[in-house]
């Protein structure tokens, strides 16, 4: 599916660097580049084999003035990023040089590329599917080595292959059902009916396997939004500083020092966290402190993990109970801080009440217990696997939601089969699951969704 317009954009970050690249893609890529690039050999770029780097210069086609010394490479369709004819010009990485060469491509007939248009063309031209296209941005925005590995595996087609396989199996189910409907005189209904129910369960299990890793994949892609909450002066800011290994938050003996949410990003044993130190939750006559407390409560609505901090040396208070209630609607862990003091009684009470897997002790002051907290965190992210392992990890919230809807559709189909419903009814639910999986890969996705996805990309990608 070739598009008419030839487009161009700077595909490297603007700024001072050794090299910058301008990409031209489309049927007229060679014609556009030929108006501004002159090979030192005197040959045309078209005279060289595809994918061969050629040394030369860029000239302003309006006054024939020299612009820059460059390398240019022509990549013939379909063996290019977009599966179209592509020319890339490598020049010096200054802003002026890049912008000048880009403007010359426009003067030569290219149009400015829109956000994500190069990758969108790769998708529309069939070189990649939608999961691979979305993985491109995941690679660019990776927060950790683990998320980079997962994005690279998705870009290589692991998720796409699994989804295409599931769709093929579902299409086989539809074929079996339609055969029974179209050839009622054949004595195959009972056998096919049993096989259909079995296949629906098997395919549903395959979708459940993909969803089982979604928790880990999403955290590695987006970062685990973690809120540290507690009553004033229990050591929330000290815990933040200990995790960051720097004095980021003000620590004071006076309660209510933290009035606003302090947000930081960090890696703990490869797990990306978006960590928020919050105002202490308590009733206060101080208007500014009240605003901070309200911000804390609002933050909890979108938090992936709540770290409740209590002062183990003081015992539990009514304000601590209010903290536990605030955290109850989200995944949480309770930290009994100040383990360098006597915290055994508080720890035992909380362990009996919430379970040993939800309560731990540490000292933000001395660092004791920090390794245990890191180990707990890895367990929360990776589950029983304890680390990134083989298998496919769904990282994208859109993919996860569509998989859940597809699984629900198959459960409906399985229930219809168990109830002996007409095969037409079963086909409706199975086809619904096929379409939902197709929305992930791009086989059945509406144009408006495609446009929305690629609008999130940067220009030049």
Protein backbone atom coordinates (compact mmCIF):
# COMPACT_ATOMS: atom_id res chain seq x y z
CA UNK A 1 0.00 0.00 0.00
CA UNK A 2 2.14 2.85 -1.26
CA UNK A 3 1.04 6.38 -0.44
CA UNK A 4 1.34 9.22 -2.93
CA UNK A 5 3.15 11.85 -0.89
CA UNK A 6 6.88 11.77 -0.35
CA UNK A 7 7.65 12.93 3.20
CA UNK A 8 10.75 14.03 5.10
CA UNK A 9 11.79 14.77 8.67
CA UNK A 10 14.77 14.94 10.97
CA UNK A 11 14.92 11.54 12.68
CA UNK A 12 17.60 12.36 15.27
CA UNK A 13 17.25 14.61 18.29
CA UNK A 14 17.73 18.29 17.57
CA UNK A 15 20.77 19.69 19.31
CA UNK A 16 24.53 19.77 19.01
CA UNK A 17 25.89 16.34 18.11
CA UNK A 18 28.39 14.68 15.81
CA UNK A 19 25.78 13.41 13.33
CA UNK A 20 22.19 14.20 12.45
CA UNK A 21 19.96 12.37 9.97
CA UNK A 22 17.23 13.56 7.61
CA UNK A 23 14.97 10.83 6.22
CA UNK A 24 13.02 11.09 2.94
CA UNK A 25 10.41 8.40 2.23
CA UNK A 26 8.10 7.86 -0.72
CA UNK A 27 8.04 7.20 -4.43
CA UNK A 28 9.94 10.42 -5.19
CA UNK A 29 12.63 9.99 -2.51
CA UNK A 30 15.40 9.67 -5.11
CA UNK A 31 14.10 12.59 -7.17
CA UNK A 32 13.90 14.85 -4.08
CA UNK A 33 17.36 13.94 -2.81
CA UNK A 34 18.81 14.29 -6.30
CA UNK A 35 18.00 18.00 -6.29
CA UNK A 36 20.21 18.70 -3.27
CA UNK A 37 22.74 15.85 -2.97
CA UNK A 38 25.78 15.56 -5.21
CA UNK A 39 28.03 12.54 -4.86
CA UNK A 40 31.76 13.29 -4.88
CA UNK A 41 32.13 10.71 -7.66
CA UNK A 42 29.84 12.73 -9.91
CA UNK A 43 27.39 9.83 -10.16
CA UNK A 44 23.70 9.96 -9.28
CA UNK A 45 22.63 8.30 -6.03
CA UNK A 46 20.40 6.07 -8.19
CA UNK A 47 23.53 4.68 -9.88
CA UNK A 48 24.66 3.07 -6.63
CA UNK A 49 23.33 -0.23 -5.25
CA UNK A 50 20.60 -0.03 -2.63
CA UNK A 51 21.85 0.34 0.96
CA UNK A 52 25.31 1.60 -0.07
CA UNK A 53 26.58 4.69 1.76
CA UNK A 54 27.73 7.43 -0.63
CA UNK A 55 29.98 10.39 0.20
CA UNK A 56 29.07 13.81 -1.16
CA UNK A 57 27.72 17.28 -0.41
CA UNK A 58 24.41 19.09 -0.03
CA UNK A 59 23.87 22.23 -2.13
CA UNK A 60 21.15 24.84 -1.90
CA UNK A 61 19.21 24.33 -5.13
CA UNK A 62 18.24 28.00 -5.20
CA UNK A 63 21.71 29.59 -5.33
CA UNK A 64 23.97 26.53 -5.71
CA UNK A 65 25.76 27.32 -2.44
CA UNK A 66 27.41 24.58 -0.38
CA UNK A 67 25.47 23.59 2.75
CA UNK A 68 27.24 20.58 4.28
CA UNK A 69 29.48 17.57 3.74
CA UNK A 70 27.33 14.44 4.09
CA UNK A 71 26.84 10.73 3.58
CA UNK A 72 23.69 9.57 1.78
CA UNK A 73 22.16 6.14 1.43
CA UNK A 74 19.31 4.96 -0.82
CA UNK A 75 17.17 2.04 0.40
CA UNK A 76 14.93 0.63 -2.30
CA UNK A 77 11.41 -0.54 -1.48
CA UNK A 78 10.39 -2.79 0.13
CA UNK A 79 13.67 -3.23 2.02
CA UNK A 80 13.48 -0.06 4.12
CA UNK A 81 11.96 1.09 7.40
CA UNK A 82 8.75 2.23 5.70
CA UNK A 83 8.81 -0.43 2.94
CA UNK A 84 8.94 2.52 0.50
CA UNK A 85 11.88 4.06 -1.33
CA UNK A 86 13.90 5.83 1.36
CA UNK A 87 16.89 8.16 1.26
CA UNK A 88 18.68 9.08 4.47
CA UNK A 89 21.18 11.94 4.62
CA UNK A 90 23.72 11.92 7.41
CA UNK A 91 25.05 15.42 8.04
CA UNK A 92 26.74 17.24 10.90
CA UNK A 93 24.46 17.31 13.92
CA UNK A 94 24.02 21.04 14.39
CA UNK A 95 20.50 22.45 14.47
CA UNK A 96 21.15 24.88 11.61
CA UNK A 97 22.56 22.21 9.28
CA UNK A 98 19.66 19.82 9.93
CA UNK A 99 16.96 22.46 9.58
CA UNK A 100 18.55 23.82 6.40
CA UNK A 101 18.72 20.40 4.73
CA UNK A 102 15.17 19.62 5.85
CA UNK A 103 13.90 22.87 4.34
CA UNK A 104 15.68 22.01 1.09
CA UNK A 105 13.82 18.68 0.93
CA UNK A 106 10.55 20.61 1.19
CA UNK A 107 11.66 22.95 -1.60
CA UNK A 108 12.48 19.87 -3.70
CA UNK A 109 8.94 18.49 -3.32
CA UNK A 110 8.75 16.55 -0.05
CA UNK A 111 6.06 17.21 2.52
CA UNK A 112 6.66 17.43 6.29
CA UNK A 113 6.17 14.07 7.99
CA UNK A 114 3.47 13.94 10.64
CA UNK A 115 3.95 12.39 14.07
CA UNK A 116 4.79 8.71 13.70
CA UNK A 117 4.22 8.78 9.95
CA UNK A 118 7.30 6.74 9.04
CA UNK A 119 6.24 3.93 11.39
CA UNK A 120 2.61 4.30 10.30
CA UNK A 121 3.69 3.74 6.69
CA UNK A 122 5.64 0.67 7.75
CA UNK A 123 2.41 -0.64 9.29
CA UNK A 124 0.16 0.32 6.37
CA UNK A 125 2.62 -1.21 3.90
CA UNK A 126 2.56 -4.51 5.79
CA UNK A 127 6.16 -4.57 6.99
CA UNK A 128 5.09 -4.67 10.65
CA UNK A 129 1.83 -5.16 12.51
CA UNK A 130 0.39 -2.75 15.07
CA UNK A 131 1.97 -4.45 18.09
CA UNK A 132 5.40 -4.07 16.49
CA UNK A 133 4.69 -0.45 15.61
CA UNK A 134 3.72 0.36 19.20
CA UNK A 135 6.84 -1.44 20.41
CA UNK A 136 8.96 1.13 18.57
CA UNK A 137 7.84 3.84 21.00
CA UNK A 138 8.25 1.42 23.91
CA UNK A 139 11.91 0.96 22.91
CA UNK A 140 12.41 4.72 22.77
CA UNK A 141 10.74 5.35 26.14
CA UNK A 142 12.12 2.30 28.00
CA UNK A 143 12.69 3.05 31.70
CA UNK A 144 14.92 0.05 32.42
CA UNK A 145 16.98 -2.67 30.75
CA UNK A 146 14.16 -5.14 31.40
CA UNK A 147 11.54 -2.95 29.69
CA UNK A 148 13.93 -2.47 26.75
CA UNK A 149 14.30 -6.23 26.38
CA UNK A 150 10.54 -6.75 26.42
CA UNK A 151 9.95 -3.97 23.88
CA UNK A 152 12.63 -5.39 21.60
CA UNK A 153 11.03 -8.83 21.80
CA UNK A 154 7.64 -7.36 20.94
CA UNK A 155 9.14 -5.35 18.08
CA UNK A 156 10.65 -8.61 16.82
CA UNK A 157 7.13 -10.05 16.57
CA UNK A 158 6.76 -12.35 19.60
CA UNK A 159 3.38 -10.97 20.66
CA UNK A 160 2.23 -10.62 17.05
CA UNK A 161 3.00 -14.29 16.33
CA UNK A 162 1.12 -15.45 19.43
CA UNK A 163 -1.94 -13.34 18.58
CA UNK A 164 -2.00 -14.42 14.94
CA UNK A 165 -1.82 -18.04 16.11
CA UNK A 166 -4.77 -17.53 18.47
CA UNK A 167 -6.81 -15.86 15.71
CA UNK A 168 -6.08 -18.76 13.33
CA UNK A 169 -7.29 -21.24 15.95
CA UNK A 170 -10.47 -19.25 16.46
CA UNK A 171 -11.07 -19.08 12.72
CA UNK A 172 -10.76 -22.87 12.64
CA UNK A 173 -13.49 -23.04 15.27
CA UNK A 174 -15.73 -20.85 13.12
CA UNK A 175 -15.04 -23.05 10.09
CA UNK A 176 -16.07 -26.16 12.06
CA UNK A 177 -19.27 -24.51 13.25
CA UNK A 178 -20.20 -23.22 9.82
CA UNK A 179 -19.59 -26.69 8.38
CA UNK A 180 -22.17 -28.10 10.79
CA UNK A 181 -24.65 -25.35 9.86
CA UNK A 182 -24.11 -25.67 6.10
CA UNK A 183 -24.15 -29.49 5.99
CA UNK A 184 -26.79 -30.59 8.51
CA UNK A 185 -27.33 -33.90 6.68
CA UNK A 186 -23.82 -35.04 7.62
CA UNK A 187 -23.56 -36.97 10.87
CA UNK A 188 -20.81 -34.77 12.38
CA UNK A 189 -22.70 -32.48 14.76
CA UNK A 190 -22.08 -34.29 18.03
CA UNK A 191 -18.35 -34.78 17.38
CA UNK A 192 -17.86 -31.20 16.21
CA UNK A 193 -19.83 -29.81 19.15
CA UNK A 194 -17.56 -31.53 21.68
CA UNK A 195 -14.44 -30.44 19.80
CA UNK A 196 -15.63 -26.83 19.68
CA UNK A 197 -16.12 -26.68 23.45
CA UNK A 198 -12.67 -28.16 23.99
CA UNK A 199 -11.01 -25.76 21.55
CA UNK A 200 -12.69 -22.72 23.10
CA UNK A 201 -11.32 -23.67 26.52
CA UNK A 202 -7.81 -24.24 25.10
CA UNK A 203 -7.73 -20.92 23.25
CA UNK A 204 -9.11 -19.10 26.27
CA UNK A 205 -6.29 -20.59 28.33
CA UNK A 206 -3.82 -19.18 25.80
CA UNK A 207 -5.26 -15.70 26.25
CA UNK A 208 -5.17 -16.13 30.05
CA UNK A 209 -1.47 -16.98 29.79
CA UNK A 210 -0.83 -13.69 27.99
CA UNK A 211 -2.79 -11.79 30.64
CA UNK A 212 -0.90 -13.50 33.47
CA UNK A 213 2.23 -11.51 32.57
CA UNK A 214 0.43 -8.21 31.93
CA UNK A 215 0.98 -6.97 35.51
CA UNK A 216 4.75 -7.33 35.14
CA UNK A 217 4.88 -6.04 31.58
CA UNK A 218 2.86 -2.91 32.34
CA UNK A 219 5.00 -2.03 35.37
CA UNK A 220 8.24 -2.46 33.43
CA UNK A 221 6.87 -0.29 30.61
CA UNK A 222 5.22 2.50 32.59
CA UNK A 223 6.93 2.31 35.96
CA UNK A 224 5.23 1.32 39.20
CA UNK A 225 3.46 4.36 40.61
CA UNK A 226 4.22 4.11 44.30
CA UNK A 227 2.91 6.41 47.03
CA UNK A 228 4.53 6.60 50.47
CA UNK A 229 1.82 7.52 52.96
CA UNK A 230 1.56 7.75 56.74
CA UNK A 231 0.82 10.13 59.54
CA UNK A 232 3.24 13.04 60.00
CA UNK A 233 6.78 12.39 61.22
CA UNK A 234 6.83 8.59 60.85
CA UNK A 235 9.77 8.71 58.41
CA UNK A 236 8.16 8.92 54.97
CA UNK A 237 10.65 11.50 53.68
CA UNK A 238 13.54 9.61 55.29
CA UNK A 239 12.41 6.49 53.43
CA UNK A 240 12.29 8.43 50.15
CA UNK A 241 15.80 9.75 50.73
CA UNK A 242 17.06 6.27 51.62
CA UNK A 243 15.62 4.80 48.42
CA UNK A 244 17.04 7.63 46.30
CA UNK A 245 20.33 7.58 48.25
CA UNK A 246 20.28 11.37 48.36
CA UNK A 247 18.68 14.12 50.45
CA UNK A 248 15.77 14.88 48.12
CA UNK A 249 13.08 15.58 50.76
CA UNK A 250 13.42 17.80 53.81
CA UNK A 251 13.60 15.78 57.01
CA UNK A 252 12.64 17.53 60.23
CA UNK A 253 11.68 16.62 63.78
CA UNK A 254 8.61 18.84 63.34
CA UNK A 255 5.43 17.16 62.09
CA UNK A 256 3.85 18.39 58.87
CA UNK A 257 7.07 19.41 57.11
CA UNK A 258 5.98 17.86 53.79
CA UNK A 259 3.13 20.00 52.44
CA UNK A 260 3.09 18.85 48.80
CA UNK A 261 3.67 15.65 46.83
CA UNK A 262 7.34 15.09 45.91
CA UNK A 263 7.70 12.79 42.88
CA UNK A 264 10.88 11.03 41.77
CA UNK A 265 11.76 8.25 39.32
CA UNK A 266 14.26 5.54 40.20
CA UNK A 267 15.25 1.93 39.60
CA UNK A 268 15.33 -0.62 42.40
CA UNK A 269 16.96 -3.85 41.21
CA UNK A 270 15.82 -3.08 37.68
CA UNK A 271 12.23 -2.25 38.67
CA UNK A 272 11.25 1.27 37.55
CA UNK A 273 9.37 3.24 40.20
CA UNK A 274 7.56 6.55 40.03
CA UNK A 275 7.85 7.29 43.73
CA UNK A 276 5.76 9.91 45.54
CA UNK A 277 6.45 11.21 49.05
CA UNK A 278 3.18 12.64 50.34
CA UNK A 279 1.95 14.93 53.04
CA UNK A 280 1.11 13.16 56.28
CA UNK A 281 -2.58 12.25 56.52
CA UNK A 282 -4.10 13.82 59.60
CA UNK A 283 -6.68 16.40 60.59
CA UNK A 284 -5.12 19.84 60.68
CA UNK A 285 -6.21 23.43 61.09
CA UNK A 286 -3.41 24.55 58.75
CA UNK A 287 -4.97 25.36 55.36
CA UNK A 288 -1.81 24.59 53.36
CA UNK A 289 -1.34 21.28 55.15
CA UNK A 290 -5.00 20.42 54.44
CA UNK A 291 -4.33 20.95 50.71
CA UNK A 292 -1.37 18.60 50.93
CA UNK A 293 -3.46 15.93 52.65
CA UNK A 294 -6.15 16.22 49.95
CA UNK A 295 -3.49 15.84 47.25
CA UNK A 296 -2.34 12.67 48.97
CA UNK A 297 -5.88 11.23 48.95
CA UNK A 298 -6.32 12.15 45.27
CA UNK A 299 -3.00 10.53 44.38
CA UNK A 300 -4.07 7.20 45.86
CA UNK A 301 -6.74 6.79 43.17
CA UNK A 302 -4.12 6.22 40.46
CA UNK A 303 -1.40 4.55 42.52
CA UNK A 304 -0.19 1.05 41.67
CA UNK A 305 1.32 0.40 45.10
CA UNK A 306 0.85 2.11 48.46
CA UNK A 307 3.66 1.99 51.01
CA UNK A 308 2.14 2.64 54.43
CA UNK A 309 4.75 3.80 56.92
CA UNK A 310 4.20 3.57 60.69
CA UNK A 311 6.51 4.56 63.53
CA UNK A 312 7.14 1.21 65.22
CA UNK A 313 8.64 2.83 68.28
CA UNK A 314 5.43 4.68 69.17
CA UNK A 315 2.83 1.96 68.69
CA UNK A 316 -0.31 2.30 66.62
CA UNK A 317 -2.58 5.35 66.74
CA UNK A 318 -6.01 6.32 65.44
CA UNK A 319 -4.25 8.23 62.67
CA UNK A 320 -2.47 5.02 61.61
CA UNK A 321 -5.85 3.30 61.37
CA UNK A 322 -7.02 6.08 59.07
CA UNK A 323 -3.95 5.43 56.89
CA UNK A 324 -4.78 1.73 56.64
CA UNK A 325 -8.34 2.55 55.57
CA UNK A 326 -7.08 4.98 52.92
CA UNK A 327 -4.75 2.32 51.49
CA UNK A 328 -7.24 -0.56 51.61
CA UNK A 329 -8.57 0.00 48.07
CA UNK A 330 -5.09 -0.30 46.47
CA UNK A 331 -2.29 -2.90 46.59
CA UNK A 332 -0.24 -2.04 49.66
CA UNK A 333 2.65 -2.98 51.90
CA UNK A 334 3.14 -1.81 55.49
CA UNK A 335 6.59 -0.62 56.60
CA UNK A 336 7.29 -0.57 60.32
CA UNK A 337 9.97 2.11 60.41
CA UNK A 338 12.67 2.82 63.02
CA UNK A 339 13.67 -0.81 63.46
CA UNK A 340 16.82 0.50 65.16
CA UNK A 341 14.49 1.19 68.10
CA UNK A 342 12.08 -1.22 69.81
CA UNK A 343 9.40 -2.05 67.21
CA UNK A 344 8.76 -5.73 67.92
CA UNK A 345 5.34 -5.24 69.54
CA UNK A 346 3.98 -3.10 66.71
CA UNK A 347 5.41 -5.47 64.09
CA UNK A 348 3.81 -8.54 65.69
CA UNK A 349 0.40 -6.87 65.91
CA UNK A 350 0.45 -5.81 62.25
CA UNK A 351 1.81 -9.15 61.04
CA UNK A 352 -1.02 -11.03 62.75
CA UNK A 353 -3.59 -8.59 61.41
CA UNK A 354 -2.45 -8.16 57.79
CA UNK A 355 -0.26 -11.21 57.19
CA UNK A 356 3.51 -11.70 57.18
CA UNK A 357 3.73 -11.07 53.43
CA UNK A 358 2.27 -7.56 53.83
CA UNK A 359 4.37 -6.24 56.74
CA UNK A 360 8.11 -5.69 57.12
CA UNK A 361 10.48 -3.70 59.30
CA UNK A 362 13.27 -1.38 58.28
CA UNK A 363 15.20 1.63 59.43
CA UNK A 364 15.29 4.51 57.00
CA UNK A 365 17.95 6.03 59.24
CA UNK A 366 20.46 3.12 59.24
CA UNK A 367 19.42 1.35 56.05
CA UNK A 368 18.66 -1.91 57.82
CA UNK A 369 15.92 -3.84 56.01
CA UNK A 370 16.28 -1.98 52.69
CA UNK A 371 17.53 -5.11 50.90
CA UNK A 372 14.52 -7.05 52.18
CA UNK A 373 12.21 -4.32 50.89
CA UNK A 374 13.89 -4.46 47.46
CA UNK A 375 13.42 -8.25 47.41
CA UNK A 376 9.74 -7.86 48.35
CA UNK A 377 9.30 -5.30 45.58
CA UNK A 378 10.79 -7.64 42.96
CA UNK A 379 8.48 -10.39 44.17
CA UNK A 380 5.49 -8.06 43.82
CA UNK A 381 6.45 -7.17 40.24
CA UNK A 382 7.60 -10.56 38.95
CA UNK A 383 5.54 -12.91 41.12
CA UNK A 384 6.89 -16.43 41.57
CA UNK A 385 9.34 -15.96 38.67
CA UNK A 386 11.34 -13.43 40.75
CA UNK A 387 12.94 -12.05 37.59
CA UNK A 388 12.28 -11.48 33.90
CA UNK A 389 11.99 -14.88 32.21
CA UNK A 390 10.91 -16.40 28.95
CA UNK A 391 7.38 -16.02 27.70
CA UNK A 392 5.44 -13.10 26.29
CA UNK A 393 4.79 -10.03 28.42
CA UNK A 394 1.88 -7.77 27.50
CA UNK A 395 3.08 -4.23 28.25
CA UNK A 396 0.36 -2.08 26.73
CA UNK A 397 -2.86 -1.19 28.60
CA UNK A 398 -4.76 -1.16 25.29
CA UNK A 399 -3.61 -4.70 24.54
CA UNK A 400 -4.48 -5.88 28.04
CA UNK A 401 -8.02 -4.49 27.89
CA UNK A 402 -8.68 -6.01 24.46
CA UNK A 403 -7.37 -9.39 25.65
CA UNK A 404 -9.71 -9.25 28.65
CA UNK A 405 -12.65 -8.49 26.37
CA UNK A 406 -11.66 -11.33 24.03
CA UNK A 407 -11.42 -13.75 26.95
CA UNK A 408 -14.87 -12.67 28.12
CA UNK A 409 -16.26 -13.26 24.63
CA UNK A 410 -14.82 -16.79 24.63
CA UNK A 411 -16.32 -17.48 28.06
CA UNK A 412 -19.67 -16.43 26.62
CA UNK A 413 -19.10 -18.76 23.64
CA UNK A 414 -18.14 -21.62 25.94
CA UNK A 415 -21.24 -21.05 28.07
CA UNK A 416 -23.41 -20.96 24.95
CA UNK A 417 -21.91 -24.28 23.86
CA UNK A 418 -22.53 -25.80 27.30
CA UNK A 419 -26.14 -24.60 27.19
CA UNK A 420 -26.63 -26.18 23.77
CA UNK A 421 -27.34 -22.86 22.11
CA UNK A 422 -27.56 -22.72 18.29
CA UNK A 423 -24.19 -22.67 16.59
CA UNK A 424 -25.01 -19.24 15.14
CA UNK A 425 -24.92 -17.83 18.67
CA UNK A 426 -21.56 -19.43 19.40
CA UNK A 427 -20.14 -18.05 16.15
CA UNK A 428 -21.14 -14.49 17.14
CA UNK A 429 -19.07 -14.64 20.35
CA UNK A 430 -16.12 -16.37 18.68
CA UNK A 431 -16.04 -13.80 15.88
CA UNK A 432 -16.18 -11.09 18.52
CA UNK A 433 -13.02 -12.54 20.07
CA UNK A 434 -11.37 -12.73 16.63
CA UNK A 435 -12.12 -9.05 15.98
CA UNK A 436 -10.84 -8.00 19.40
CA UNK A 437 -7.53 -9.78 18.86
CA UNK A 438 -7.40 -8.17 15.43
CA UNK A 439 -7.66 -4.76 17.05
CA UNK A 440 -4.40 -5.49 18.85
CA UNK A 441 -2.52 -6.59 15.73
CA UNK A 442 -4.17 -4.01 13.47
CA UNK A 443 -6.08 -6.49 11.30
CA UNK A 444 -9.48 -5.16 12.32
CA UNK A 445 -8.68 -1.86 14.04
CA UNK A 446 -10.71 1.22 13.05
CA UNK A 447 -8.88 4.04 11.26
CA UNK A 448 -9.52 6.48 14.11
CA UNK A 449 -7.72 4.18 16.56
CA UNK A 450 -4.77 3.85 14.18
CA UNK A 451 -4.55 7.62 13.84
CA UNK A 452 -4.78 8.08 17.61
CA UNK A 453 -1.98 5.58 18.26
CA UNK A 454 0.45 7.12 15.79
CA UNK A 455 -0.35 10.66 16.93
CA UNK A 456 1.41 9.78 20.19
CA UNK A 457 4.67 9.16 18.36
CA UNK A 458 7.31 11.83 17.94
CA UNK A 459 7.95 13.54 14.61
CA UNK A 460 10.65 11.63 12.77
CA UNK A 461 9.57 8.20 13.98
